[in-house]
Protein backbone atom coordinates (compact mmCIF):
# COMPACT_ATOMS: atom_id res chain seq x y z
CA MET A 1 26.70 13.92 -4.06
CA LEU A 2 25.37 10.72 -3.63
CA ALA A 3 27.84 7.58 -4.11
CA GLN A 4 26.00 5.79 -6.71
CA LEU A 5 25.11 8.75 -8.72
CA GLU A 6 29.06 9.94 -8.88
CA ARG A 7 29.71 6.32 -10.03
CA GLN A 8 27.47 6.53 -12.66
CA PHE A 9 28.72 9.82 -13.85
CA LEU A 10 32.60 8.32 -13.79
CA GLN A 11 31.03 5.12 -15.26
CA ALA A 12 30.44 7.65 -18.05
CA ASP A 13 33.38 9.44 -18.20
CA LEU A 14 34.93 6.23 -18.40
CA ALA A 15 33.18 4.59 -21.23
CA GLN A 16 34.05 7.76 -23.16
CA ALA A 17 37.70 7.83 -22.23
CA ARG A 18 38.24 4.64 -23.27
CA GLN A 19 36.20 4.78 -26.54
CA LEU A 20 38.81 8.26 -27.46
CA LEU A 21 41.82 5.71 -26.17
CA VAL A 22 41.14 3.32 -28.59
CA GLU A 23 40.01 6.37 -31.62
CA ALA A 24 43.87 7.47 -30.98
CA GLY A 25 45.42 4.53 -31.26
CA ALA A 26 43.62 3.31 -34.06
CA HIS A 27 44.92 7.18 -35.97
CA ASP A 28 48.50 6.25 -34.53
CA ASP A 29 48.62 9.68 -32.69
CA PRO A 30 50.51 8.88 -29.72
CA PHE A 31 50.43 12.44 -28.17
CA ALA A 32 46.18 11.86 -27.70
CA GLU A 33 46.68 7.98 -26.49
CA SER A 34 49.23 9.39 -23.52
CA GLN A 35 46.52 11.65 -22.69
CA TYR A 36 43.72 9.83 -23.24
CA SER A 37 45.62 6.71 -20.91
CA GLN A 38 46.49 9.12 -18.00
CA ARG A 39 42.46 10.11 -18.25
CA VAL A 40 41.40 6.51 -17.92
CA ALA A 41 43.52 5.37 -15.66
CA ARG A 42 42.93 8.26 -13.16
CA LEU A 43 39.26 7.60 -13.63
CA GLU A 44 39.65 3.82 -12.67
CA ARG A 45 41.52 5.19 -9.48
CA GLN A 46 38.55 7.49 -8.79
CA LEU A 47 36.04 4.78 -9.15
CA THR A 48 38.10 2.63 -6.74
CA GLU A 49 38.18 5.12 -4.08
CA LEU A 50 34.70 5.97 -4.59
CA ALA A 51 33.60 2.12 -4.04
CA VAL A 52 35.79 2.24 -0.27
CA GLN A 53 33.92 5.33 0.53
CA ALA A 54 30.84 4.44 -0.17
CA GLU A 55 31.12 1.87 2.67
CA SER A 56 31.36 4.24 5.35
CA ALA A 57 28.72 7.15 3.26
CA PRO A 58 26.15 8.05 5.29
CA THR A 59 22.15 7.16 4.64
CA GLY A 60 21.32 8.59 1.21
CA ILE A 61 18.44 8.08 -1.24
CA ALA A 62 18.33 10.67 -4.75
CA LEU A 63 14.70 11.16 -5.88
CA PHE A 64 14.00 12.03 -9.56
CA PHE A 65 10.93 13.48 -10.37
CA GLY A 66 9.58 13.89 -14.05
CA GLY A 67 6.27 14.57 -15.82
CA ARG A 68 3.85 17.44 -15.34
CA PRO A 69 5.60 19.16 -12.22
CA VAL A 70 8.65 19.38 -13.76
CA ILE A 71 10.02 22.27 -16.79
CA GLY A 72 12.64 20.22 -18.54
CA SER A 73 15.80 20.70 -16.29
CA HIS A 74 15.03 24.36 -15.22
CA GLY A 75 12.89 23.48 -12.01
CA ILE A 76 10.54 21.83 -10.42
CA LYS A 77 7.54 23.19 -9.10
CA ALA A 78 7.68 24.41 -5.54
CA ALA A 79 4.78 23.40 -3.75
CA PHE A 80 4.88 20.05 -5.59
CA GLY A 81 8.24 19.60 -4.62
CA THR A 82 8.06 20.59 -1.02
CA GLN A 83 5.29 17.90 -0.44
CA ALA A 84 6.81 15.28 -2.27
CA VAL A 85 9.93 15.33 0.06
CA GLY A 86 8.02 15.88 3.02
CA GLN A 87 5.75 13.09 2.52
CA PHE A 88 8.41 10.40 1.78
CA GLN A 89 10.40 12.02 4.86
CA LYS A 90 7.13 10.45 6.53
CA LEU A 91 7.27 7.32 5.40
CA ILE A 92 10.91 6.94 6.54
CA SER A 93 9.87 8.49 10.23
CA GLN A 94 6.93 6.01 10.38
CA ARG A 95 8.74 2.84 9.17
CA TYR A 96 11.58 3.84 11.84
CA ALA A 97 9.62 4.15 14.73
CA ALA A 98 7.75 0.91 13.39
CA ALA A 99 11.11 -1.18 13.41
CA GLU A 100 12.41 0.37 16.35
CA MET A 101 9.00 0.36 18.53
CA GLY A 102 6.42 -1.87 16.99
CA PRO A 103 3.12 -1.10 15.50
CA LEU A 104 2.35 2.83 15.74
CA ALA A 105 -1.07 4.43 17.03
CA SER A 106 -3.42 5.12 13.86
CA ARG A 107 -2.57 8.68 14.90
CA GLY A 108 -0.95 11.22 16.89
CA ARG A 109 2.55 11.90 17.08
CA VAL A 110 5.09 9.58 15.34
CA PRO A 111 8.30 8.77 17.91
CA MET A 112 11.92 9.05 17.11
CA SER A 113 10.92 11.35 14.13
CA GLU A 114 13.93 13.81 15.08
CA GLU A 115 16.48 11.08 15.05
CA THR A 116 15.33 9.99 10.71
CA GLN A 117 15.24 13.71 9.34
CA LEU A 118 16.76 13.28 5.89
CA LEU A 119 19.04 16.34 5.04
CA VAL A 120 18.52 17.86 1.66
CA THR A 121 21.86 17.86 0.32
CA ASP A 122 22.05 18.46 -3.26
CA VAL A 123 19.67 19.31 -6.37
CA VAL A 124 20.21 17.34 -9.61
CA ARG A 125 18.57 17.71 -13.41
CA GLY A 126 18.16 16.32 -16.25
CA SER A 127 14.63 15.15 -14.49
CA PHE A 128 14.74 17.51 -11.59
CA GLY A 129 15.99 15.44 -8.47
CA PHE A 130 16.53 15.85 -4.47
CA VAL A 131 19.81 13.74 -3.12
CA LEU A 132 18.53 13.16 0.72
CA GLN A 133 21.51 12.11 3.10
CA GLY A 134 21.36 11.41 7.08
CA ASN A 135 22.79 13.50 9.67
CA GLN A 136 23.82 11.22 11.97
CA PRO A 137 27.04 9.74 13.30
CA GLU A 138 27.96 6.36 10.98
CA GLU A 139 27.62 4.03 14.04
CA SER A 140 24.02 5.29 14.65
CA ASP A 141 23.05 5.27 10.88
CA SER A 142 22.94 1.70 10.08
CA THR A 143 19.41 1.29 11.25
CA LEU A 144 18.23 4.52 9.19
CA LYS A 145 20.19 3.03 6.65
CA GLN A 146 18.10 -0.45 6.70
CA VAL A 147 14.76 2.26 6.47
CA VAL A 148 15.54 3.71 3.78
CA ASP A 149 16.52 0.49 2.41
CA GLU A 150 12.76 -0.91 2.75
CA VAL A 151 11.24 2.23 2.03
CA ALA A 152 12.50 2.73 -1.47
CA ASP A 153 12.09 -1.44 -1.67
CA THR A 154 8.64 -1.01 -0.67
CA LEU A 155 7.73 1.45 -3.15
CA CYS A 156 9.17 -0.34 -6.11
CA ARG A 157 6.94 -3.32 -5.34
CA MET A 158 3.84 -1.48 -4.71
CA ALA A 159 3.89 -0.38 -8.23
CA SER A 160 5.38 -3.84 -9.76
CA LEU A 161 3.56 -5.88 -11.93
CA ASP A 162 3.99 -8.90 -10.00
CA ASP A 163 1.58 -9.39 -7.73
CA ALA A 164 3.61 -11.68 -5.61
CA LEU A 165 5.95 -8.71 -5.24
CA PHE A 166 3.25 -6.26 -3.96
CA ASP A 167 2.13 -9.10 -1.79
CA GLU A 168 5.38 -9.05 0.08
CA ALA A 169 5.43 -5.03 0.38
CA SER A 170 1.76 -5.19 1.74
CA ALA A 171 2.91 -7.42 4.70
CA GLY A 172 5.23 -5.38 5.64
CA VAL A 173 3.46 -2.02 6.22
CA ASP A 174 0.94 -1.38 9.41
CA SER A 175 -2.32 0.64 8.94
CA ARG A 176 -0.27 4.37 10.02
CA GLN A 177 2.21 3.50 7.14
CA LEU A 178 -0.26 2.43 4.38
CA GLY A 179 -2.03 6.19 5.24
CA ALA A 180 1.23 7.68 4.40
CA LEU A 181 1.73 5.03 1.08
CA ARG A 182 -1.79 6.85 -0.24
CA GLU A 183 -0.80 9.84 0.60
CA PHE A 184 2.22 9.87 -1.56
CA PHE A 185 1.10 7.69 -4.49
CA LYS A 186 -2.24 10.66 -4.73
CA LEU A 187 0.20 13.65 -5.01
CA LEU A 188 2.15 11.83 -7.65
CA ASP A 189 -0.64 10.49 -9.21
CA ASP A 190 -2.79 14.10 -9.19
CA GLU A 191 0.18 15.73 -10.47
CA GLY A 192 1.28 13.19 -13.05
CA ALA A 193 4.64 13.18 -12.02
CA SER A 194 6.72 9.94 -12.49
CA LEU A 195 9.53 9.13 -9.87
CA ARG A 196 12.95 7.46 -9.75
CA VAL A 197 14.30 6.09 -6.81
CA VAL A 198 18.41 5.92 -6.97
CA GLU A 199 19.95 4.12 -3.21
CA GLY A 200 22.56 2.17 -2.75
CA GLU A 201 22.76 -0.66 -5.51
CA ARG A 202 18.62 0.13 -6.69
CA ASP A 203 17.66 2.68 -9.40
CA PHE A 204 14.69 2.18 -10.92
CA GLU A 205 11.28 3.82 -12.29
CA LEU A 206 8.33 4.84 -11.51
CA THR A 207 6.38 5.48 -14.88
CA THR A 208 2.82 8.01 -14.38
CA GLN A 209 1.02 4.18 -15.25
CA ALA A 210 3.25 2.48 -12.51
CA VAL A 211 2.09 5.46 -9.85
CA GLN A 212 -1.54 5.09 -10.83
CA ARG A 213 -1.42 1.27 -10.37
CA ALA A 214 0.44 1.65 -6.69
CA ARG A 215 -2.35 4.39 -5.96
CA GLN A 216 -5.33 2.17 -6.88
CA ARG A 217 -3.57 -1.14 -4.83
CA ALA A 218 -3.08 1.28 -2.19
CA ASP A 219 -6.31 2.63 -2.48
CA ALA A 220 -8.51 -0.90 -2.08
CA LEU A 221 -5.79 -2.36 0.72
CA VAL A 222 -6.99 -2.81 4.27
CA ILE A 223 -5.01 -4.09 7.05
CA GLU A 224 -6.13 -5.24 10.04
CA ASP A 225 -4.28 -5.83 12.98
CA ARG A 226 -4.55 -7.82 16.10
CA LEU A 227 -3.39 -10.17 18.97
CA GLU A 228 -4.46 -14.07 19.00
CA THR A 229 -3.13 -16.53 21.81
CA PHE A 230 -2.19 -20.01 19.48
CA GLU A 231 -1.80 -23.14 22.15
CA GLY A 232 0.55 -25.97 20.55
CA GLU A 233 4.22 -27.55 19.17
CA ILE A 234 7.20 -25.59 17.83
CA ILE A 235 7.87 -27.91 14.83
CA GLY A 236 9.86 -25.00 13.39
CA TRP A 237 12.57 -22.82 14.50
CA ALA A 238 15.36 -20.78 12.84
CA GLU A 239 17.65 -18.59 15.06
CA TYR A 240 19.45 -17.18 11.92
CA SER A 241 16.40 -15.60 10.33
CA LEU A 242 13.69 -15.36 12.92
CA ARG A 243 11.51 -17.68 11.81
CA PHE A 244 9.19 -20.27 13.49
CA GLU A 245 6.29 -23.04 12.93
CA VAL A 246 3.54 -24.22 15.34
CA LEU A 247 1.61 -27.02 15.35
CA LEU A 248 -1.63 -26.21 16.67
CA HIS A 249 -3.31 -28.45 19.69
CA ALA A 250 -6.71 -27.00 18.85
CA ASP A 251 -7.18 -27.49 14.76
CA ARG A 252 -3.16 -29.26 13.77
CA ASN A 253 -2.82 -26.69 11.72
CA VAL A 254 0.63 -25.08 10.97
CA ILE A 255 1.00 -21.15 11.44
CA VAL A 256 4.25 -20.36 10.12
CA GLY A 257 5.76 -16.61 10.96
CA SER A 258 8.57 -14.39 11.93
CA MET A 259 9.28 -13.43 15.62
CA LEU A 260 10.57 -10.77 17.75
CA ARG A 261 14.13 -11.03 18.74
CA GLU A 262 13.18 -10.72 22.37
CA ALA A 263 10.67 -13.54 21.89
CA MET A 264 13.08 -15.55 20.59
CA GLN A 265 16.15 -15.05 23.29
CA LYS A 266 13.53 -14.93 26.16
CA LEU A 267 13.22 -18.64 24.83
CA LEU A 268 16.52 -19.61 24.16
CA ASN A 269 17.97 -17.80 28.00
CA GLU A 270 15.69 -20.57 29.54
CA GLY A 271 18.46 -23.02 28.75
CA ILE A 272 16.20 -25.63 26.65
CA ASN A 273 16.24 -25.69 22.95
CA PRO A 274 12.74 -24.81 21.93
CA LEU A 275 12.13 -26.58 19.06
CA HIS A 276 9.33 -29.45 20.00
CA GLN A 277 8.33 -27.46 23.33
CA HIS A 278 4.94 -27.03 24.09
CA VAL A 279 3.91 -23.30 24.11
CA ARG A 280 0.97 -20.95 24.93
CA ALA A 281 2.22 -17.85 22.42
CA SER A 282 0.93 -14.62 22.38
CA VAL A 283 1.17 -13.68 18.30
CA LYS A 284 0.54 -10.72 15.84
CA VAL A 285 -1.91 -11.37 13.21
CA ARG A 286 -2.04 -8.91 9.90
CA GLU A 287 -4.94 -9.59 8.05
CA VAL A 288 -4.48 -8.04 4.88
CA LYS A 289 -7.25 -7.72 1.79
CA LEU A 290 -7.46 -6.40 -1.72
CA ARG A 291 -10.73 -6.37 -2.95
CA ASN A 292 -11.47 -9.48 -5.23
CA ARG A 293 -8.64 -11.27 -4.11
CA ALA A 294 -8.39 -13.85 -1.00
CA PRO A 295 -7.42 -12.33 2.53
CA ARG A 296 -3.75 -13.17 3.24
CA LYS A 297 -2.44 -13.78 6.85
CA THR A 298 1.15 -12.76 8.73
CA PHE A 299 2.49 -13.84 12.10
CA VAL A 300 4.45 -12.15 14.21
CA LEU A 301 5.33 -14.17 17.70
CA GLN A 302 5.37 -11.48 20.56
CA SER A 303 6.00 -13.75 23.64
CA ALA A 304 5.56 -17.42 24.35
CA GLU A 305 5.50 -19.17 27.68
CA ARG A 306 6.26 -23.05 28.11
CA ILE A 307 3.16 -25.42 28.62
CA GLY A 308 2.54 -28.72 28.84
CA ALA A 309 1.36 -31.28 25.79
CA PRO A 310 -2.00 -32.14 25.76
CA LEU A 311 -2.43 -35.72 27.09
CA ASP A 312 -3.73 -37.53 23.59
CA TRP A 313 -0.55 -35.68 21.74
CA ALA A 314 1.58 -38.11 19.98
CA VAL A 315 5.34 -38.06 19.80
CA ARG A 316 6.16 -36.44 15.77
CA ALA A 317 8.80 -38.86 14.09
CA THR A 318 8.22 -36.33 10.95
CA GLN A 319 11.56 -33.83 10.48
CA PRO A 320 10.93 -29.91 10.88
CA SER A 321 11.27 -28.01 7.67
CA ILE A 322 12.58 -24.39 9.44
CA PRO A 323 15.25 -26.54 10.92
CA THR A 324 15.95 -28.21 8.32
CA LEU A 325 16.68 -24.89 6.26
CA LEU A 326 18.78 -24.05 8.80
CA ASN A 327 20.94 -26.94 8.83
CA ASP A 328 21.39 -27.12 4.96
CA HIS A 329 22.41 -23.03 5.79
CA ASP A 330 24.74 -23.99 7.67
CA ALA A 331 26.07 -27.00 5.64
CA ASN A 332 26.41 -24.94 2.64
CA SER A 333 28.38 -21.72 4.46
């Protein structure tokens, strides 16, 4: 069973055992006190052992469905359950491939899909749920764990009442993943299903209203990716978070974004601190558009080569913001 679910069951049993122990003491029943104290000690020991085991547990997530497709605790419509798990697996495979190989083509086979296949290892009743776990050796499972966490986070944020959380989620998906999200939320909404997700320390529920909100947002969302070339001075550079700021030569505007680790390493390997270097940078620009809202752009530095500064470029004396944050981070750690 998924460690998070097992912990919830043990915690519920422990709370009940502690209450019974208090009641036994109030009734001056030494035999019951002995029994319940042993039970409390056993449950506490099991929780401690479970916490240690969870650190090396395989990737896992539980999907609980409610609403029309679920018949009490008896079962779930086979067609819906199969489609829902299959579409969730598609989200995992696409996010994993994008993380390892960059943005996916708009159609065609998803690379590395076999490496990301989760196994249905348990069925949980209450509302009806499936426990999905990875089948990879522990040492090669870390990326898959991160991807499962990111997909769970995206589902939560896409349905959030907070527009800022939705904006953050939409910035992390490409057009191919957006299509998979549309299919997933459409299935849930059309079938009148709710969804509860348990993963790691995360436990949240998408009501039918939240599912409908997420579907409407996904349907209205347009994501455009393109490569652009910018020339400017690097005024912010944070290795620990892979963040950058570039002051553009052309219009003196500043672009802020993340960078590929390979791009950062290439500049560092040249043996010169990238800060205040002038570069010609290839940047992936993602423009996220939603009806009745201003477009939102994000930038990912793909590569950069050093160039000379423009003849009229003044030496900047201001302190760059990202390195300042980096220094503060180091001072506080």
